[in-house]
C-alpha cells in the first residue's frame, strides 16, 4: 500500500473520529446546601477521589475532570425523588469495604448494601450497591465498578427512549447500539424498562423510566403524575461545556429548545453561562470553555 494511500486513510479515520465526538463536555453538577462548607468536608471525608479546589473564588470539589459545585440555600432544599435528577454516583472496586467504612463513619443510608441482581437482571454475586444520604439528603449511589471515582448522574424520564434521542440530536452523542426498546420490561415485579442513556467524558448518564421510581418511592408519588423541575432541589442541575456558547444557543433555539436564560457572564465575569430546559423539565446549564482545575 502506498504512503499516499496510508496517509489518506489516516486523515479520513481522524476526520471520522472527530465527527463522532459529542459537541459538549461534562462541566459540573450543582447542589443546593444550607451549609456548603460542611457539605464540602463531608464529601471529602467519604470520597477520597475528590479534591477541594477553588471555582471562581468559591470552595468546590474537583472530580478528576469536572466539578461538584454548591449554592448556599436559605432553607433546606426539597430532596424527594420527584425530578428528572435521580441521584449522583460513585464507582468502587470494593463496595463491601466502602459499606463497612460508611457504617463506621455513622453515615445515613437510603438503601443499605445489596446485590444488584435483586433489582436488575444481572448475574448474582458480582455487582453490589448502596444509597447514601449525603448533606441536605442528596441521594448518592456507591456501586461496583472497575475503578474508585465519581462516575455518574442518573436521570429519570417519562419517555427514556425519546429523552435519549433528544440528547443525541442536540449534543451529538452517538446513538445506542442496539437501539433501546420502547416496550415495558419487568423484573421481580418492578418495571425496569424502557431505559436509555449516554456517556460524556468519564461520566455516565443512564435514563430510567418514572414507573421504576414510583415503585421505590410510593409515598412521594402517591398523588403525583409528572416529574417536577429540579430548580431549588438538593440536586439542582448539571452543566455541559461547549466551545462557542452563542452558536450553541442559536442552534438549540432553531431546534425549538426552550431557552431559560440567555448567555451572560456570571461570577464576576469568570464564566459565560446560559440555561436551557431538557426533557422532563431537566435544568441544563451550558457554559463556555471546558472544566479545568486551577
Protein backbone atom coordinates (compact mmCIF):
# COMPACT_ATOMS: atom_id res chain seq x y z
CA UNK A 1 0.00 0.00 0.00
CA UNK A 2 1.39 3.38 -0.99
CA UNK A 3 2.46 6.02 1.50
CA UNK A 4 -0.04 8.41 -0.09
CA UNK A 5 -2.95 5.97 0.43
CA UNK A 6 -1.91 5.26 4.03
CA UNK A 7 -1.77 8.97 4.75
CA UNK A 8 -5.17 9.49 3.11
CA UNK A 9 -6.72 6.70 5.18
CA UNK A 10 -5.22 8.12 8.37
CA UNK A 11 -6.68 11.56 7.62
CA UNK A 12 -10.05 10.02 6.82
CA UNK A 13 -10.04 7.99 10.05
CA UNK A 14 -9.15 11.09 12.05
CA UNK A 15 -11.98 13.02 10.38
CA UNK A 16 -14.49 10.27 11.16
CA UNK A 17 -13.28 10.15 14.76
CA UNK A 18 -13.62 13.93 15.04
CA UNK A 19 -17.16 13.85 13.64
CA UNK A 20 -18.13 11.20 16.20
CA UNK A 21 -17.17 13.40 19.15
CA UNK A 22 -20.05 15.00 21.13
CA UNK A 23 -20.47 18.75 20.84
CA UNK A 24 -20.13 19.20 24.61
CA UNK A 25 -18.16 18.07 27.67
CA UNK A 26 -19.38 17.44 31.19
CA UNK A 27 -18.69 20.52 33.32
CA UNK A 28 -20.40 20.20 36.70
CA UNK A 29 -23.29 19.08 38.84
CA UNK A 30 -24.71 21.81 41.06
CA UNK A 31 -26.11 21.09 44.53
CA UNK A 32 -28.06 23.28 46.94
CA UNK A 33 -26.90 23.19 50.54
CA UNK A 34 -27.73 25.00 53.75
CA UNK A 35 -24.05 24.77 54.74
CA UNK A 36 -21.71 24.37 51.73
CA UNK A 37 -18.59 24.33 53.95
CA UNK A 38 -19.84 21.32 55.90
CA UNK A 39 -21.03 19.68 52.68
CA UNK A 40 -17.58 20.01 51.08
CA UNK A 41 -15.98 18.50 54.18
CA UNK A 42 -18.47 15.61 54.19
CA UNK A 43 -17.79 14.68 50.56
CA UNK A 44 -14.03 14.85 51.07
CA UNK A 45 -14.37 12.57 54.10
CA UNK A 46 -16.43 9.99 52.20
CA UNK A 47 -14.89 10.00 48.72
CA UNK A 48 -11.06 10.07 48.56
CA UNK A 49 -11.03 10.71 44.79
CA UNK A 50 -12.31 14.25 45.32
CA UNK A 51 -10.10 17.32 45.73
CA UNK A 52 -11.04 20.60 47.35
CA UNK A 53 -10.38 23.45 44.95
CA UNK A 54 -11.45 26.98 44.16
CA UNK A 55 -14.04 27.63 41.46
CA UNK A 56 -14.45 31.35 40.75
CA UNK A 57 -13.46 32.13 44.32
CA UNK A 58 -15.76 29.55 45.92
CA UNK A 59 -14.88 26.29 47.65
CA UNK A 60 -15.82 23.41 45.36
CA UNK A 61 -14.93 19.79 44.63
CA UNK A 62 -12.84 18.70 41.68
CA UNK A 63 -13.82 15.20 40.50
CA UNK A 64 -10.98 14.26 38.11
CA UNK A 65 -12.40 16.01 35.02
CA UNK A 66 -15.39 18.02 36.27
CA UNK A 67 -16.77 19.96 39.21
CA UNK A 68 -19.24 19.50 42.04
CA UNK A 69 -20.48 22.98 42.95
CA UNK A 70 -22.66 24.26 45.79
CA UNK A 71 -25.22 27.04 46.15
CA UNK A 72 -25.94 28.43 49.62
CA UNK A 73 -29.61 27.70 50.39
CA UNK A 74 -31.51 29.76 52.97
CA UNK A 75 -33.61 26.74 53.96
CA UNK A 76 -33.48 23.00 53.49
CA UNK A 77 -33.98 22.23 49.79
CA UNK A 78 -36.52 19.66 48.63
CA UNK A 79 -34.81 16.30 48.26
CA UNK A 80 -37.52 13.74 47.44
CA UNK A 81 -37.00 11.87 44.15
CA UNK A 82 -39.63 13.76 42.15
CA UNK A 83 -37.46 15.37 39.45
CA UNK A 84 -35.52 14.03 36.48
CA UNK A 85 -32.30 14.22 38.54
CA UNK A 86 -32.46 10.90 40.41
CA UNK A 87 -29.03 10.74 42.09
CA UNK A 88 -25.28 11.15 41.67
CA UNK A 89 -22.98 8.16 41.99
CA UNK A 90 -19.53 6.72 42.60
CA UNK A 91 -17.96 3.55 41.28
CA UNK A 92 -15.95 1.36 43.64
CA UNK A 93 -13.68 -1.66 43.45
CA UNK A 94 -14.68 -2.71 46.97
CA UNK A 95 -18.34 -1.97 47.76
CA UNK A 96 -18.38 -4.09 50.94
CA UNK A 97 -15.29 -2.26 52.20
CA UNK A 98 -16.99 1.05 51.42
CA UNK A 99 -20.12 -0.04 53.25
CA UNK A 100 -18.17 -1.02 56.34
CA UNK A 101 -16.32 2.31 56.25
CA UNK A 102 -19.56 4.29 55.88
CA UNK A 103 -21.09 2.40 58.78
CA UNK A 104 -18.07 3.24 60.93
CA UNK A 105 -18.47 6.89 59.92
CA UNK A 106 -22.09 6.84 61.06
CA UNK A 107 -23.31 7.65 57.54
CA UNK A 108 -27.02 7.72 56.78
CA UNK A 109 -28.48 5.33 54.21
CA UNK A 110 -31.48 5.34 51.95
CA UNK A 111 -30.67 1.76 50.90
CA UNK A 112 -28.14 -0.48 52.64
CA UNK A 113 -25.63 -2.79 50.91
CA UNK A 114 -27.39 -5.02 48.37
CA UNK A 115 -26.76 -7.35 45.45
CA UNK A 116 -27.65 -5.53 42.22
CA UNK A 117 -29.33 -8.71 40.95
CA UNK A 118 -32.17 -8.05 43.41
CA UNK A 119 -33.36 -5.16 41.26
CA UNK A 120 -31.88 -5.65 37.79
CA UNK A 121 -31.34 -8.72 35.58
CA UNK A 122 -27.59 -9.09 36.19
CA UNK A 123 -25.61 -12.11 37.49
CA UNK A 124 -25.85 -12.56 41.25
CA UNK A 125 -22.78 -12.05 43.42
CA UNK A 126 -20.90 -9.79 41.01
CA UNK A 127 -22.25 -6.28 41.50
CA UNK A 128 -23.35 -4.58 44.69
CA UNK A 129 -24.70 -1.16 45.51
CA UNK A 130 -25.97 1.10 48.27
CA UNK A 131 -27.51 4.56 48.53
CA UNK A 132 -26.14 7.09 50.99
CA UNK A 133 -27.98 10.18 52.14
CA UNK A 134 -25.46 12.99 51.85
CA UNK A 135 -25.68 16.55 53.16
CA UNK A 136 -29.16 18.03 52.54
CA UNK A 137 -30.35 14.47 51.79
CA UNK A 138 -28.67 14.31 48.39
CA UNK A 139 -29.10 10.73 47.17
CA UNK A 140 -25.69 9.17 46.39
CA UNK A 141 -25.12 5.72 44.93
CA UNK A 142 -21.99 3.64 45.56
CA UNK A 143 -21.82 0.76 43.07
CA UNK A 144 -19.36 -1.92 41.91
CA UNK A 145 -17.07 -0.71 39.12
CA UNK A 146 -13.56 -1.22 37.79
CA UNK A 147 -12.31 1.95 39.49
CA UNK A 148 -12.80 4.15 42.55
CA UNK A 149 -14.21 7.51 41.44
CA UNK A 150 -17.21 9.73 40.79
CA UNK A 151 -18.84 8.24 37.72
CA UNK A 152 -22.48 9.03 37.05
CA UNK A 153 -25.51 11.30 37.19
CA UNK A 154 -28.67 9.20 36.99
CA UNK A 155 -31.67 10.68 35.19
CA UNK A 156 -35.37 9.83 35.07
CA UNK A 157 -37.87 10.33 32.26
CA UNK A 158 -41.47 9.62 31.41
CA UNK A 159 -40.15 8.55 27.99
CA UNK A 160 -36.49 7.48 28.37
CA UNK A 161 -36.01 6.49 24.74
CA UNK A 162 -37.21 9.84 23.40
CA UNK A 163 -35.14 11.64 26.06
CA UNK A 164 -32.03 9.75 24.96
CA UNK A 165 -32.75 10.64 21.32
CA UNK A 166 -33.07 14.31 22.32
CA UNK A 167 -29.61 14.33 23.90
CA UNK A 168 -28.20 12.57 20.84
CA UNK A 169 -29.75 15.12 18.48
CA UNK A 170 -28.94 18.29 20.40
CA UNK A 171 -25.47 17.43 21.71
CA UNK A 172 -24.11 14.88 19.26
CA UNK A 173 -23.96 11.83 21.50
CA UNK A 174 -23.70 8.64 19.44
CA UNK A 175 -26.87 6.53 19.20
CA UNK A 176 -27.05 3.46 21.40
CA UNK A 177 -26.46 0.11 19.74
CA UNK A 178 -28.67 -1.78 19.60
CA UNK A 179 -31.36 0.90 19.82
CA UNK A 180 -33.25 0.73 23.13
CA UNK A 181 -36.67 -0.91 23.01
CA UNK A 182 -39.77 1.11 23.87
CA UNK A 183 -41.52 -1.98 25.22
CA UNK A 184 -42.08 -2.10 29.00
CA UNK A 185 -39.85 -4.63 30.77
CA UNK A 186 -40.33 -6.05 34.25
CA UNK A 187 -38.04 -7.75 36.76
CA UNK A 188 -39.11 -9.11 40.14
CA UNK A 189 -42.45 -7.35 39.72
CA UNK A 190 -40.94 -3.89 39.07
CA UNK A 191 -40.95 -2.11 35.73
CA UNK A 192 -37.32 -1.53 34.73
CA UNK A 193 -37.76 -0.57 31.08
CA UNK A 194 -37.76 1.13 28.73
CA UNK A 195 -34.45 2.75 29.59
CA UNK A 196 -31.77 4.71 27.76
CA UNK A 197 -28.75 6.88 28.48
CA UNK A 198 -25.43 8.19 27.23
CA UNK A 199 -21.88 8.81 28.38
CA UNK A 200 -19.94 12.05 28.31
CA UNK A 201 -16.23 12.12 29.11
CA UNK A 202 -15.88 9.94 32.24
CA UNK A 203 -19.47 10.46 33.42
CA UNK A 204 -22.27 8.01 32.62
CA UNK A 205 -25.84 9.37 32.43
CA UNK A 206 -28.35 6.49 32.46
CA UNK A 207 -32.04 7.35 31.98
CA UNK A 208 -34.64 5.21 33.79
CA UNK A 209 -38.42 5.37 33.48
CA UNK A 210 -40.60 7.02 36.13
CA UNK A 211 -42.58 3.81 36.72
CA UNK A 212 -39.39 2.36 38.21
CA UNK A 213 -39.07 5.18 40.70
CA UNK A 214 -42.77 5.17 41.60
CA UNK A 215 -42.36 1.60 42.84
CA UNK A 216 -39.38 2.60 45.02
CA UNK A 217 -40.95 5.75 46.49
CA UNK A 218 -44.73 5.18 46.56
CA UNK A 219 -45.35 7.80 49.27
CA UNK A 220 -43.69 10.60 47.29
CA UNK A 221 -45.63 9.58 44.15
CA UNK A 222 -49.00 8.89 45.78
CA UNK A 223 -50.75 11.88 44.18
CA UNK A 224 -48.10 12.78 41.59
CA UNK A 225 -48.23 12.15 37.86
CA UNK A 226 -45.30 14.11 36.39
CA UNK A 227 -41.71 14.97 37.22
CA UNK A 228 -41.06 18.38 38.79
CA UNK A 229 -38.47 20.93 37.80
CA UNK A 230 -35.28 20.34 39.83
CA UNK A 231 -34.67 24.06 40.35
CA UNK A 232 -34.16 24.67 44.06
CA UNK A 233 -33.97 20.96 44.90
CA UNK A 234 -30.96 19.38 46.61
CA UNK A 235 -29.67 18.31 43.17
CA UNK A 236 -30.37 21.48 41.20
CA UNK A 237 -28.88 20.95 37.74
CA UNK A 238 -25.94 19.68 35.73
CA UNK A 239 -23.87 21.56 33.17
CA UNK A 240 -22.26 20.85 29.83
CA UNK A 241 -19.50 22.97 28.36
CA UNK A 242 -19.06 23.96 24.72
CA UNK A 243 -16.56 25.96 22.68
CA UNK A 244 -18.97 28.66 21.44
CA UNK A 245 -21.97 29.26 23.70
CA UNK A 246 -23.68 31.83 21.46
CA UNK A 247 -23.54 29.49 18.46
CA UNK A 248 -24.82 26.59 20.57
CA UNK A 249 -27.80 28.60 21.86
CA UNK A 250 -28.61 29.84 18.34
CA UNK A 251 -28.72 26.26 17.05
CA UNK A 252 -30.76 24.99 20.01
CA UNK A 253 -33.25 27.82 19.56
CA UNK A 254 -33.75 26.84 15.91
CA UNK A 255 -34.49 23.30 17.10
CA UNK A 256 -37.23 24.64 19.38
CA UNK A 257 -35.35 24.04 22.63
CA UNK A 258 -36.63 26.22 25.48
CA UNK A 259 -34.04 28.83 26.49
CA UNK A 260 -34.47 29.67 30.17
CA UNK A 261 -31.57 32.13 30.48
CA UNK A 262 -29.74 33.76 27.59
CA UNK A 263 -25.92 33.70 27.53
CA UNK A 264 -24.43 36.12 30.04
CA UNK A 265 -21.38 36.50 32.25
CA UNK A 266 -21.67 35.27 35.86
CA UNK A 267 -19.44 35.02 38.94
CA UNK A 268 -17.89 38.45 38.39
CA UNK A 269 -17.05 37.65 34.79
CA UNK A 270 -15.43 34.29 35.48
CA UNK A 271 -17.88 32.25 33.41
CA UNK A 272 -20.19 32.67 30.43
CA UNK A 273 -23.38 30.73 31.08
CA UNK A 274 -26.88 30.01 29.79
CA UNK A 275 -29.72 27.69 30.86
CA UNK A 276 -31.98 25.52 28.76
CA UNK A 277 -34.76 23.06 29.56
CA UNK A 278 -34.23 19.44 28.62
CA UNK A 279 -36.69 16.54 28.62
CA UNK A 280 -38.92 16.23 31.70
CA UNK A 281 -38.14 19.81 32.79
CA UNK A 282 -34.48 18.95 33.33
CA UNK A 283 -32.49 22.10 34.08
CA UNK A 284 -29.30 22.14 32.00
CA UNK A 285 -26.65 24.82 32.24
CA UNK A 286 -24.39 25.43 29.25
CA UNK A 287 -21.07 27.15 29.84
CA UNK A 288 -18.30 28.27 27.53
CA UNK A 289 -14.99 26.52 27.99
CA UNK A 290 -14.08 23.10 29.37
CA UNK A 291 -13.82 22.40 33.07
CA UNK A 292 -10.30 22.96 34.40
CA UNK A 293 -8.84 22.81 37.87
CA UNK A 294 -6.81 25.94 38.73
